[in-house]
Amino acid sequence: MLLGLNLAWDEGFRRVLVESDSRILVMKLLQRKHDRYSTMVYQQIIEMLARDWEVKIAHVPRIQNALADGLAKEGLKSSSILSNCPRDLWRVLSNECMGLVPQFSSSNI
């Protein structure tokens, strides 16, 4: 999330929607909670959110976030910016484009 916020800021975006499948992180960020378990990365995210821009944070269940989850995992493999969708994510992207995203239910929590 921190890398994405930094990239958005550096590229000049001033209205950003951040979606995360971590409900706990989203709740902490929305409440700007600091506690003894807060990491340096969390503190840096809070500092980024305090800049002069509009950042909305939303929780998205992981089951509905397959493409973003896959892209995040790809991002861990390399620090370069992707110009194309990785081959192993084509099916996920295709399904999302066709509206074939699994629907969330309480049994998916």
PDB file of N, CA and C in Angstrom:
ATOM      1  N   MET A   1       0.834  -1.186   0.000  1.00  0.00           N
ATOM      2  CA  MET A   1       0.000   0.000   0.000  1.00  0.00           C
ATOM      3  C   MET A   1       0.880   1.251   0.000  1.00  0.00           C
ATOM      4  N   LEU A   2       1.925   1.221   0.805  1.00  0.00           N
ATOM      5  CA  LEU A   2       2.816   2.379   0.873  1.00  0.00           C
ATOM      6  C   LEU A   2       3.454   2.662  -0.482  1.00  0.00           C
ATOM      7  N   LEU A   3       3.921   1.618  -1.146  1.00  0.00           N
ATOM      8  CA  LEU A   3       4.538   1.813  -2.466  1.00  0.00           C
ATOM      9  C   LEU A   3       3.535   2.377  -3.463  1.00  0.00           C
ATOM     10  N   GLY A   4       2.303   1.879  -3.416  1.00  0.00           N
ATOM     11  CA  GLY A   4       1.265   2.382  -4.307  1.00  0.00           C
ATOM     12  C   GLY A   4       0.933   3.841  -4.033  1.00  0.00           C
ATOM     13  N   LEU A   5       0.847   4.214  -2.768  1.00  0.00           N
ATOM     14  CA  LEU A   5       0.588   5.613  -2.415  1.00  0.00           C
ATOM     15  C   LEU A   5       1.732   6.512  -2.876  1.00  0.00           C
ATOM     16  N   ASN A   6       2.963   6.057  -2.663  1.00  0.00           N
ATOM     17  CA  ASN A   6       4.116   6.831  -3.124  1.00  0.00           C
ATOM     18  C   ASN A   6       4.105   7.009  -4.637  1.00  0.00           C
ATOM     19  N   LEU A   7       3.799   5.940  -5.348  1.00  0.00           N
ATOM     20  CA  LEU A   7       3.749   6.011  -6.815  1.00  0.00           C
ATOM     21  C   LEU A   7       2.655   6.971  -7.268  1.00  0.00           C
ATOM     22  N   ALA A   8       1.466   6.868  -6.656  1.00  0.00           N
ATOM     23  CA  ALA A   8       0.356   7.755  -7.023  1.00  0.00           C
ATOM     24  C   ALA A   8       0.734   9.212  -6.782  1.00  0.00           C
ATOM     25  N   TRP A   9       1.359   9.498  -5.640  1.00  0.00           N
ATOM     26  CA  TRP A   9       1.774  10.868  -5.320  1.00  0.00           C
ATOM     27  C   TRP A   9       2.811  11.363  -6.325  1.00  0.00           C
ATOM     28  N   ASP A  10       3.819  10.534  -6.562  1.00  0.00           N
ATOM     29  CA  ASP A  10       4.902  10.927  -7.471  1.00  0.00           C
ATOM     30  C   ASP A  10       4.411  11.156  -8.902  1.00  0.00           C
ATOM     31  N   GLU A  11       3.370  10.436  -9.304  1.00  0.00           N
ATOM     32  CA  GLU A  11       2.817  10.579 -10.655  1.00  0.00           C
ATOM     33  C   GLU A  11       1.805  11.717 -10.739  1.00  0.00           C
ATOM     34  N   GLY A  12       1.536  12.373  -9.610  1.00  0.00           N
ATOM     35  CA  GLY A  12       0.675  13.547  -9.628  1.00  0.00           C
ATOM     36  C   GLY A  12      -0.801  13.289  -9.387  1.00  0.00           C
ATOM     37  N   PHE A  13      -1.162  12.067  -9.007  1.00  0.00           N
ATOM     38  CA  PHE A  13      -2.569  11.791  -8.706  1.00  0.00           C
ATOM     39  C   PHE A  13      -2.919  12.432  -7.373  1.00  0.00           C
ATOM     40  N   ARG A  14      -4.049  13.122  -7.313  1.00  0.00           N
ATOM     41  CA  ARG A  14      -4.451  13.781  -6.076  1.00  0.00           C
ATOM     42  C   ARG A  14      -5.818  13.326  -5.580  1.00  0.00           C
ATOM     43  N   ARG A  15      -6.432  12.423  -6.311  1.00  0.00           N
ATOM     44  CA  ARG A  15      -7.664  11.756  -5.868  1.00  0.00           C
ATOM     45  C   ARG A  15      -7.444  10.272  -6.104  1.00  0.00           C
ATOM     46  N   VAL A  16      -7.354   9.502  -5.015  1.00  0.00           N
ATOM     47  CA  VAL A  16      -6.965   8.099  -5.101  1.00  0.00           C
ATOM     48  C   VAL A  16      -7.920   7.245  -4.280  1.00  0.00           C
ATOM     49  N   LEU A  17      -8.270   6.095  -4.818  1.00  0.00           N
ATOM     50  CA  LEU A  17      -9.040   5.092  -4.086  1.00  0.00           C
ATOM     51  C   LEU A  17      -8.111   3.924  -3.798  1.00  0.00           C
ATOM     52  N   VAL A  18      -7.940   3.619  -2.520  1.00  0.00           N
ATOM     53  CA  VAL A  18      -7.120   2.493  -2.090  1.00  0.00           C
ATOM     54  C   VAL A  18      -8.056   1.404  -1.599  1.00  0.00           C
ATOM     55  N   GLU A  19      -7.943   0.222  -2.190  1.00  0.00           N
ATOM     56  CA  GLU A  19      -8.749  -0.917  -1.758  1.00  0.00           C
ATOM     57  C   GLU A  19      -7.819  -1.969  -1.174  1.00  0.00           C
ATOM     58  N   SER A  20      -8.230  -2.528  -0.045  1.00  0.00           N
ATOM     59  CA  SER A  20      -7.423  -3.539   0.625  1.00  0.00           C
ATOM     60  C   SER A  20      -8.320  -4.656   1.127  1.00  0.00           C
ATOM     61  N   ASP A  21      -7.796  -5.877   1.084  1.00  0.00           N
ATOM     62  CA  ASP A  21      -8.576  -6.992   1.619  1.00  0.00           C
ATOM     63  C   ASP A  21      -8.275  -7.225   3.106  1.00  0.00           C
ATOM     64  N   SER A  22      -7.481  -6.356   3.704  1.00  0.00           N
ATOM     65  CA  SER A  22      -7.196  -6.439   5.135  1.00  0.00           C
ATOM     66  C   SER A  22      -8.164  -5.530   5.891  1.00  0.00           C
ATOM     67  N   ARG A  23      -9.203  -6.127   6.419  1.00  0.00           N
ATOM     68  CA  ARG A  23     -10.225  -5.357   7.142  1.00  0.00           C
ATOM     69  C   ARG A  23      -9.628  -4.629   8.343  1.00  0.00           C
ATOM     70  N   ILE A  24      -8.721  -5.282   9.050  1.00  0.00           N
ATOM     71  CA  ILE A  24      -8.112  -4.674  10.238  1.00  0.00           C
ATOM     72  C   ILE A  24      -7.300  -3.450   9.852  1.00  0.00           C
ATOM     73  N   LEU A  25      -6.496  -3.562   8.788  1.00  0.00           N
ATOM     74  CA  LEU A  25      -5.700  -2.423   8.346  1.00  0.00           C
ATOM     75  C   LEU A  25      -6.595  -1.264   7.910  1.00  0.00           C
ATOM     76  N   VAL A  26      -7.630  -1.567   7.147  1.00  0.00           N
ATOM     77  CA  VAL A  26      -8.553  -0.512   6.693  1.00  0.00           C
ATOM     78  C   VAL A  26      -9.178   0.192   7.889  1.00  0.00           C
ATOM     79  N   MET A  27      -9.632  -0.577   8.871  1.00  0.00           N
ATOM     80  CA  MET A  27     -10.255   0.031  10.055  1.00  0.00           C
ATOM     81  C   MET A  27      -9.252   0.906  10.803  1.00  0.00           C
ATOM     82  N   LYS A  28      -8.022   0.412  10.970  1.00  0.00           N
ATOM     83  CA  LYS A  28      -7.004   1.207  11.666  1.00  0.00           C
ATOM     84  C   LYS A  28      -6.705   2.499  10.912  1.00  0.00           C
ATOM     85  N   LEU A  29      -6.591   2.405   9.584  1.00  0.00           N
ATOM     86  CA  LEU A  29      -6.283   3.594   8.794  1.00  0.00           C
ATOM     87  C   LEU A  29      -7.427   4.595   8.811  1.00  0.00           C
ATOM     88  N   LEU A  30      -8.652   4.119   8.736  1.00  0.00           N
ATOM     89  CA  LEU A  30      -9.799   5.022   8.760  1.00  0.00           C
ATOM     90  C   LEU A  30      -9.895   5.752  10.102  1.00  0.00           C
ATOM     91  N   GLN A  31      -9.491   5.083  11.168  1.00  0.00           N
ATOM     92  CA  GLN A  31      -9.543   5.686  12.499  1.00  0.00           C
ATOM     93  C   GLN A  31      -8.224   6.351  12.871  1.00  0.00           C
ATOM     94  N   ARG A  32      -7.229   6.222  11.993  1.00  0.00           N
ATOM     95  CA  ARG A  32      -5.879   6.769  12.240  1.00  0.00           C
ATOM     96  C   ARG A  32      -5.344   6.306  13.597  1.00  0.00           C
ATOM     97  N   LYS A  33      -5.586   5.027  13.892  1.00  0.00           N
ATOM     98  CA  LYS A  33      -5.175   4.465  15.179  1.00  0.00           C
ATOM     99  C   LYS A  33      -3.674   4.225  15.226  1.00  0.00           C
ATOM    100  N   HIS A  34      -3.078   4.647  16.301  1.00  0.00           N
ATOM    101  CA  HIS A  34      -1.683   4.360  16.606  1.00  0.00           C
ATOM    102  C   HIS A  34      -1.667   3.528  17.880  1.00  0.00           C
ATOM    103  N   ASP A  35      -0.911   2.472  17.867  1.00  0.00           N
ATOM    104  CA  ASP A  35      -0.740   1.708  19.091  1.00  0.00           C
ATOM    105  C   ASP A  35       0.679   1.153  19.111  1.00  0.00           C
ATOM    106  N   ARG A  36       1.014   0.437  20.141  1.00  0.00           N
ATOM    107  CA  ARG A  36       2.391  -0.041  20.276  1.00  0.00           C
ATOM    108  C   ARG A  36       2.751  -1.092  19.233  1.00  0.00           C
ATOM    109  N   TYR A  37       1.755  -1.607  18.524  1.00  0.00           N
ATOM    110  CA  TYR A  37       2.011  -2.608  17.491  1.00  0.00           C
ATOM    111  C   TYR A  37       2.145  -1.981  16.102  1.00  0.00           C
ATOM    112  N   SER A  38       1.958  -0.683  16.007  1.00  0.00           N
ATOM    113  CA  SER A  38       2.064   0.000  14.721  1.00  0.00           C
ATOM    114  C   SER A  38       3.501  -0.082  14.215  1.00  0.00           C
ATOM    115  N   THR A  39       3.643  -0.454  12.963  1.00  0.00           N
ATOM    116  CA  THR A  39       4.972  -0.590  12.366  1.00  0.00           C
ATOM    117  C   THR A  39       5.403   0.729  11.735  1.00  0.00           C
ATOM    118  N   MET A  40       6.661   0.794  11.360  1.00  0.00           N
ATOM    119  CA  MET A  40       7.171   1.979  10.695  1.00  0.00           C
ATOM    120  C   MET A  40       6.445   2.186   9.359  1.00  0.00           C
ATOM    121  N   VAL A  41       6.144   1.097   8.658  1.00  0.00           N
ATOM    122  CA  VAL A  41       5.424   1.205   7.384  1.00  0.00           C
ATOM    123  C   VAL A  41       4.045   1.802   7.621  1.00  0.00           C
ATOM    124  N   TYR A  42       3.355   1.354   8.663  1.00  0.00           N
ATOM    125  CA  TYR A  42       2.043   1.907   9.001  1.00  0.00           C
ATOM    126  C   TYR A  42       2.159   3.405   9.265  1.00  0.00           C
ATOM    127  N   GLN A  43       3.168   3.810  10.011  1.00  0.00           N
ATOM    128  CA  GLN A  43       3.375   5.229  10.305  1.00  0.00           C
ATOM    129  C   GLN A  43       3.619   6.018   9.019  1.00  0.00           C
ATOM    130  N   GLN A  44       4.368   5.424   8.084  1.00  0.00           N
ATOM    131  CA  GLN A  44       4.630   6.100   6.817  1.00  0.00           C
ATOM    132  C   GLN A  44       3.352   6.223   5.987  1.00  0.00           C
ATOM    133  N   ILE A  45       2.489   5.208   6.051  1.00  0.00           N
ATOM    134  CA  ILE A  45       1.204   5.284   5.348  1.00  0.00           C
ATOM    135  C   ILE A  45       0.375   6.430   5.927  1.00  0.00           C
ATOM    136  N   ILE A  46       0.333   6.533   7.250  1.00  0.00           N
ATOM    137  CA  ILE A  46      -0.405   7.616   7.914  1.00  0.00           C
ATOM    138  C   ILE A  46       0.137   8.967   7.456  1.00  0.00           C
ATOM    139  N   GLU A  47       1.457   9.090   7.374  1.00  0.00           N
ATOM    140  CA  GLU A  47       2.062  10.339   6.916  1.00  0.00           C
ATOM    141  C   GLU A  47       1.677  10.639   5.470  1.00  0.00           C
ATOM    142  N   MET A  48       1.643   9.615   4.625  1.00  0.00           N
ATOM    143  CA  MET A  48       1.239   9.814   3.233  1.00  0.00           C
ATOM    144  C   MET A  48      -0.214  10.285   3.161  1.00  0.00           C
ATOM    145  N   LEU A  49      -1.067   9.697   3.978  1.00  0.00           N
ATOM    146  CA  LEU A  49      -2.491  10.060   3.961  1.00  0.00           C
ATOM    147  C   LEU A  49      -2.711  11.499   4.421  1.00  0.00           C
ATOM    148  N   ALA A  50      -1.785  12.041   5.205  1.00  0.00           N
ATOM    149  CA  ALA A  50      -1.917  13.403   5.727  1.00  0.00           C
ATOM    150  C   ALA A  50      -1.523  14.467   4.703  1.00  0.00           C
ATOM    151  N   ARG A  51      -0.986  14.051   3.569  1.00  0.00           N
ATOM    152  CA  ARG A  51      -0.601  15.032   2.548  1.00  0.00           C
ATOM    153  C   ARG A  51      -1.829  15.703   1.947  1.00  0.00           C
ATOM    154  N   ASP A  52      -1.588  16.706   1.128  1.00  0.00           N
ATOM    155  CA  ASP A  52      -2.664  17.493   0.535  1.00  0.00           C
ATOM    156  C   ASP A  52      -3.243  16.784  -0.689  1.00  0.00           C
ATOM    157  N   TRP A  53      -4.047  15.756  -0.426  1.00  0.00           N
ATOM    158  CA  TRP A  53      -4.727  15.021  -1.483  1.00  0.00           C
ATOM    159  C   TRP A  53      -5.906  14.266  -0.903  1.00  0.00           C
ATOM    160  N   GLU A  54      -6.746  13.744  -1.756  1.00  0.00           N
ATOM    161  CA  GLU A  54      -7.930  13.008  -1.310  1.00  0.00           C
ATOM    162  C   GLU A  54      -7.681  11.521  -1.530  1.00  0.00           C
ATOM    163  N   VAL A  55      -7.593  10.788  -0.430  1.00  0.00           N
ATOM    164  CA  VAL A  55      -7.396   9.338  -0.505  1.00  0.00           C
ATOM    165  C   VAL A  55      -8.551   8.676   0.221  1.00  0.00           C
ATOM    166  N   LYS A  56      -9.296   7.866  -0.498  1.00  0.00           N
ATOM    167  CA  LYS A  56     -10.380   7.090   0.108  1.00  0.00           C
ATOM    168  C   LYS A  56      -9.873   5.664   0.269  1.00  0.00           C
ATOM    169  N   ILE A  57     -10.200   5.075   1.406  1.00  0.00           N
ATOM    170  CA  ILE A  57      -9.755   3.724   1.715  1.00  0.00           C
ATOM    171  C   ILE A  57     -10.990   2.852   1.877  1.00  0.00           C
ATOM    172  N   ALA A  58     -10.971   1.702   1.218  1.00  0.00           N
ATOM    173  CA  ALA A  58     -12.128   0.805   1.268  1.00  0.00           C
ATOM    174  C   ALA A  58     -11.669  -0.637   1.456  1.00  0.00           C
ATOM    175  N   HIS A  59     -12.488  -1.400   2.155  1.00  0.00           N
ATOM    176  CA  HIS A  59     -12.244  -2.833   2.320  1.00  0.00           C
ATOM    177  C   HIS A  59     -12.926  -3.595   1.187  1.00  0.00           C
ATOM    178  N   VAL A  60     -12.187  -4.505   0.593  1.00  0.00           N
ATOM    179  CA  VAL A  60     -12.726  -5.381  -0.445  1.00  0.00           C
ATOM    180  C   VAL A  60     -12.398  -6.811  -0.036  1.00  0.00           C
ATOM    181  N   PRO A  61     -13.404  -7.673   0.087  1.00  0.00           N
ATOM    182  CA  PRO A  61     -13.113  -9.061   0.467  1.00  0.00           C
ATOM    183  C   PRO A  61     -12.140  -9.717  -0.525  1.00  0.00           C
ATOM    184  N   ARG A  62     -11.218 -10.509  -0.013  1.00  0.00           N
ATOM    185  CA  ARG A  62     -10.181 -11.119  -0.844  1.00  0.00           C
ATOM    186  C   ARG A  62     -10.770 -11.906  -2.014  1.00  0.00           C
ATOM    187  N   ILE A  63     -11.892 -12.565  -1.787  1.00  0.00           N
ATOM    188  CA  ILE A  63     -12.494 -13.363  -2.858  1.00  0.00           C
ATOM    189  C   ILE A  63     -12.908 -12.493  -4.044  1.00  0.00           C
ATOM    190  N   GLN A  64     -13.182 -11.212  -3.793  1.00  0.00           N
ATOM    191  CA  GLN A  64     -13.547 -10.284  -4.858  1.00  0.00           C
ATOM    192  C   GLN A  64     -12.354  -9.457  -5.317  1.00  0.00           C
ATOM    193  N   ASN A  65     -11.182  -9.802  -4.838  1.00  0.00           N
ATOM    194  CA  ASN A  65     -10.003  -8.995  -5.080  1.00  0.00           C
ATOM    195  C   ASN A  65      -8.879  -9.831  -5.710  1.00  0.00           C
ATOM    196  N   ALA A  66      -9.245 -10.852  -6.472  1.00  0.00           N
ATOM    197  CA  ALA A  66      -8.265 -11.812  -6.987  1.00  0.00           C
ATOM    198  C   ALA A  66      -7.220 -11.163  -7.889  1.00  0.00           C
ATOM    199  N   LEU A  67      -7.643 -10.258  -8.757  1.00  0.00           N
ATOM    200  CA  LEU A  67      -6.686  -9.622  -9.670  1.00  0.00           C
ATOM    201  C   LEU A  67      -5.700  -8.753  -8.898  1.00  0.00           C
ATOM    202  N   ALA A  68      -6.191  -7.927  -7.999  1.00  0.00           N
ATOM    203  CA  ALA A  68      -5.304  -7.071  -7.205  1.00  0.00           C
ATOM    204  C   ALA A  68      -4.367  -7.920  -6.351  1.00  0.00           C
ATOM    205  N   ASP A  69      -4.883  -9.013  -5.801  1.00  0.00           N
ATOM    206  CA  ASP A  69      -4.056  -9.908  -4.992  1.00  0.00           C
ATOM    207  C   ASP A  69      -2.936 -10.511  -5.849  1.00  0.00           C
ATOM    208  N   GLY A  70      -3.290 -10.946  -7.053  1.00  0.00           N
ATOM    209  CA  GLY A  70      -2.294 -11.502  -7.967  1.00  0.00           C
ATOM    210  C   GLY A  70      -1.258 -10.476  -8.390  1.00  0.00           C
ATOM    211  N   LEU A  71      -1.709  -9.256  -8.664  1.00  0.00           N
ATOM    212  CA  LEU A  71      -0.780  -8.196  -9.053  1.00  0.00           C
ATOM    213  C   LEU A  71       0.146  -7.820  -7.896  1.00  0.00           C
ATOM    214  N   ALA A  72      -0.391  -7.823  -6.682  1.00  0.00           N
ATOM    215  CA  ALA A  72       0.450  -7.534  -5.515  1.00  0.00           C
ATOM    216  C   ALA A  72       1.529  -8.595  -5.359  1.00  0.00           C
ATOM    217  N   LYS A  73       1.160  -9.838  -5.579  1.00  0.00           N
ATOM    218  CA  LYS A  73       2.151 -10.917  -5.486  1.00  0.00           C
ATOM    219  C   LYS A  73       3.200 -10.782  -6.583  1.00  0.00           C
ATOM    220  N   GLU A  74       2.782 -10.369  -7.779  1.00  0.00           N
ATOM    221  CA  GLU A  74       3.743 -10.119  -8.857  1.00  0.00           C
ATOM    222  C   GLU A  74       4.687  -8.983  -8.464  1.00  0.00           C
ATOM    223  N   GLY A  75       4.132  -7.963  -7.809  1.00  0.00           N
ATOM    224  CA  GLY A  75       4.932  -6.827  -7.385  1.00  0.00           C
ATOM    225  C   GLY A  75       6.002  -7.192  -6.377  1.00  0.00           C
ATOM    226  N   LEU A  76       5.745  -8.241  -5.597  1.00  0.00           N
ATOM    227  CA  LEU A  76       6.747  -8.692  -4.643  1.00  0.00           C
ATOM    228  C   LEU A  76       7.928  -9.363  -5.335  1.00  0.00           C
ATOM    229  N   LYS A  77       7.699  -9.853  -6.556  1.00  0.00           N
ATOM    230  CA  LYS A  77       8.764 -10.533  -7.308  1.00  0.00           C
ATOM    231  C   LYS A  77       9.722  -9.546  -7.960  1.00  0.00           C
ATOM    232  N   SER A  78       9.230  -8.339  -8.262  1.00  0.00           N
ATOM    233  CA  SER A  78      10.034  -7.382  -8.997  1.00  0.00           C
ATOM    234  C   SER A  78       9.644  -5.964  -8.602  1.00  0.00           C
ATOM    235  N   SER A  79      10.586  -5.062  -8.692  1.00  0.00           N
ATOM    236  CA  SER A  79      10.283  -3.670  -8.352  1.00  0.00           C
ATOM    237  C   SER A  79       9.921  -2.849  -9.592  1.00  0.00           C
ATOM    238  N   SER A  80       9.853  -3.493 -10.761  1.00  0.00           N
ATOM    239  CA  SER A  80       9.527  -2.758 -11.985  1.00  0.00           C
ATOM    240  C   SER A  80       8.014  -2.602 -12.132  1.00  0.00           C
ATOM    241  N   ILE A  81       7.607  -1.583 -12.861  1.00  0.00           N
ATOM    242  CA  ILE A  81       6.190  -1.336 -13.136  1.00  0.00           C
ATOM    243  C   ILE A  81       5.777  -2.198 -14.316  1.00  0.00           C
ATOM    244  N   LEU A  82       4.672  -2.900 -14.173  1.00  0.00           N
ATOM    245  CA  LEU A  82       4.191  -3.800 -15.232  1.00  0.00           C
ATOM    246  C   LEU A  82       3.591  -2.991 -16.377  1.00  0.00           C
ATOM    247  N   SER A  83       3.915  -3.376 -17.595  1.00  0.00           N
ATOM    248  CA  SER A  83       3.303  -2.737 -18.760  1.00  0.00           C
ATOM    249  C   SER A  83       2.188  -3.610 -19.336  1.00  0.00           C
ATOM    250  N   ASN A  84       2.168  -4.879 -18.977  1.00  0.00           N
ATOM    251  CA  ASN A  84       1.149  -5.822 -19.438  1.00  0.00           C
ATOM    252  C   ASN A  84       0.724  -6.711 -18.276  1.00  0.00           C
ATOM    253  N   CYS A  85      -0.459  -7.261 -18.399  1.00  0.00           N
ATOM    254  CA  CYS A  85      -0.947  -8.194 -17.389  1.00  0.00           C
ATOM    255  C   CYS A  85      -0.121  -9.481 -17.476  1.00  0.00           C
ATOM    256  N   PRO A  86       0.405  -9.955 -16.338  1.00  0.00           N
ATOM    257  CA  PRO A  86       1.153 -11.217 -16.358  1.00  0.00           C
ATOM    258  C   PRO A  86       0.289 -12.358 -16.879  1.00  0.00           C
ATOM    259  N   ARG A  87       0.921 -13.232 -17.631  1.00  0.00           N
ATOM    260  CA  ARG A  87       0.216 -14.335 -18.306  1.00  0.00           C
ATOM    261  C   ARG A  87      -0.670 -15.146 -17.357  1.00  0.00           C
ATOM    262  N   ASP A  88      -0.166 -15.450 -16.157  1.00  0.00           N
ATOM    263  CA  ASP A  88      -0.944 -16.278 -15.234  1.00  0.00           C
ATOM    264  C   ASP A  88      -2.143 -15.542 -14.627  1.00  0.00           C
ATOM    265  N   LEU A  89      -2.297 -14.257 -14.910  1.00  0.00           N
ATOM    266  CA  LEU A  89      -3.453 -13.502 -14.408  1.00  0.00           C
ATOM    267  C   LEU A  89      -4.458 -13.163 -15.505  1.00  0.00           C
ATOM    268  N   TRP A  90      -4.186 -13.612 -16.733  1.00  0.00           N
ATOM    269  CA  TRP A  90      -5.103 -13.312 -17.848  1.00  0.00           C
ATOM    270  C   TRP A  90      -6.516 -13.807 -17.571  1.00  0.00           C
ATOM    271  N   ARG A  91      -6.642 -15.034 -17.051  1.00  0.00           N
ATOM    272  CA  ARG A  91      -7.980 -15.601 -16.803  1.00  0.00           C
ATOM    273  C   ARG A  91      -8.717 -14.783 -15.743  1.00  0.00           C
ATOM    274  N   VAL A  92      -8.014 -14.377 -14.700  1.00  0.00           N
ATOM    275  CA  VAL A  92      -8.633 -13.569 -13.644  1.00  0.00           C
ATOM    276  C   VAL A  92      -9.096 -12.234 -14.217  1.00  0.00           C
ATOM    277  N   LEU A  93      -8.242 -11.591 -15.030  1.00  0.00           N
ATOM    278  CA  LEU A  93      -8.594 -10.320 -15.659  1.00  0.00           C
ATOM    279  C   LEU A  93      -9.789 -10.493 -16.593  1.00  0.00           C
ATOM    280  N   SER A  94      -9.761 -11.540 -17.384  1.00  0.00           N
ATOM    281  CA  SER A  94     -10.860 -11.818 -18.315  1.00  0.00           C
ATOM    282  C   SER A  94     -12.174 -12.014 -17.561  1.00  0.00           C
ATOM    283  N   ASN A  95     -12.124 -12.776 -16.480  1.00  0.00           N
ATOM    284  CA  ASN A  95     -13.332 -13.008 -15.677  1.00  0.00           C
ATOM    285  C   ASN A  95     -13.859 -11.707 -15.083  1.00  0.00           C
ATOM    286  N   GLU A  96     -12.957 -10.848 -14.608  1.00  0.00           N
ATOM    287  CA  GLU A  96     -13.398  -9.568 -14.041  1.00  0.00           C
ATOM    288  C   GLU A  96     -14.022  -8.692 -15.116  1.00  0.00           C
ATOM    289  N   CYS A  97     -13.434  -8.698 -16.321  1.00  0.00           N
ATOM    290  CA  CYS A  97     -13.978  -7.889 -17.421  1.00  0.00           C
ATOM    291  C   CYS A  97     -15.376  -8.351 -17.824  1.00  0.00           C
ATOM    292  N   MET A  98     -15.634  -9.652 -17.691  1.00  0.00           N
ATOM    293  CA  MET A  98     -16.941 -10.207 -18.052  1.00  0.00           C
ATOM    294  C   MET A  98     -17.921 -10.191 -16.884  1.00  0.00           C
ATOM    295  N   GLY A  99     -17.476  -9.657 -15.730  1.00  0.00           N
ATOM    296  CA  GLY A  99     -18.363  -9.595 -14.571  1.00  0.00           C
ATOM    297  C   GLY A  99     -18.510 -10.920 -13.853  1.00  0.00           C
ATOM    298  N   LEU A 100     -17.545 -11.804 -14.034  1.00  0.00           N
ATOM    299  CA  LEU A 100     -17.611 -13.131 -13.410  1.00  0.00           C
ATOM    300  C   LEU A 100     -16.823 -13.181 -12.113  1.00  0.00           C
ATOM    301  N   VAL A 101     -16.940 -12.125 -11.324  1.00  0.00           N
ATOM    302  CA  VAL A 101     -16.240 -12.053 -10.047  1.00  0.00           C
ATOM    303  C   VAL A 101     -17.102 -12.727  -9.002  1.00  0.00           C
ATOM    304  N   PRO A 102     -16.529 -13.604  -8.170  1.00  0.00           N
ATOM    305  CA  PRO A 102     -17.328 -14.261  -7.128  1.00  0.00           C
ATOM    306  C   PRO A 102     -17.995 -13.232  -6.239  1.00  0.00           C
ATOM    307  N   GLN A 103     -19.208 -13.514  -5.848  1.00  0.00           N
ATOM    308  CA  GLN A 103     -19.932 -12.601  -4.976  1.00  0.00           C
ATOM    309  C   GLN A 103     -19.610 -12.918  -3.533  1.00  0.00           C
ATOM    310  N   PHE A 104     -19.567 -11.869  -2.719  1.00  0.00           N
ATOM    311  CA  PHE A 104     -19.233 -11.992  -1.306  1.00  0.00           C
ATOM    312  C   PHE A 104     -20.443 -12.460  -0.514  1.00  0.00           C
ATOM    313  N   SER A 105     -20.198 -13.351   0.408  1.00  0.00           N
ATOM    314  CA  SER A 105     -21.237 -13.728   1.364  1.00  0.00           C
ATOM    315  C   SER A 105     -20.569 -13.900   2.720  1.00  0.00           C
ATOM    316  N   SER A 106     -21.341 -13.924   3.778  1.00  0.00           N
ATOM    317  CA  SER A 106     -20.754 -14.018   5.107  1.00  0.00           C
ATOM    318  C   SER A 106     -19.997 -15.322   5.301  1.00  0.00           C
ATOM    319  N   SER A 107     -20.280 -16.345   4.496  1.00  0.00           N
ATOM    320  CA  SER A 107     -19.555 -17.601   4.630  1.00  0.00           C
ATOM    321  C   SER A 107     -18.152 -17.511   4.064  1.00  0.00           C
ATOM    322  N   ASN A 108     -17.839 -16.406   3.338  1.00  0.00           N
ATOM    323  CA  ASN A 108     -16.505 -16.229   2.772  1.00  0.00           C
ATOM    324  C   ASN A 108     -15.542 -15.540   3.726  1.00  0.00           C
ATOM    325  N   ILE A 109     -16.019 -15.100   4.862  1.00  0.00           N
ATOM    326  CA  ILE A 109     -15.173 -14.365   5.809  1.00  0.00           C
ATOM    327  C   ILE A 109     -14.167 -15.297   6.433  1.00  0.00           C
TER     328      ILE A 109
END
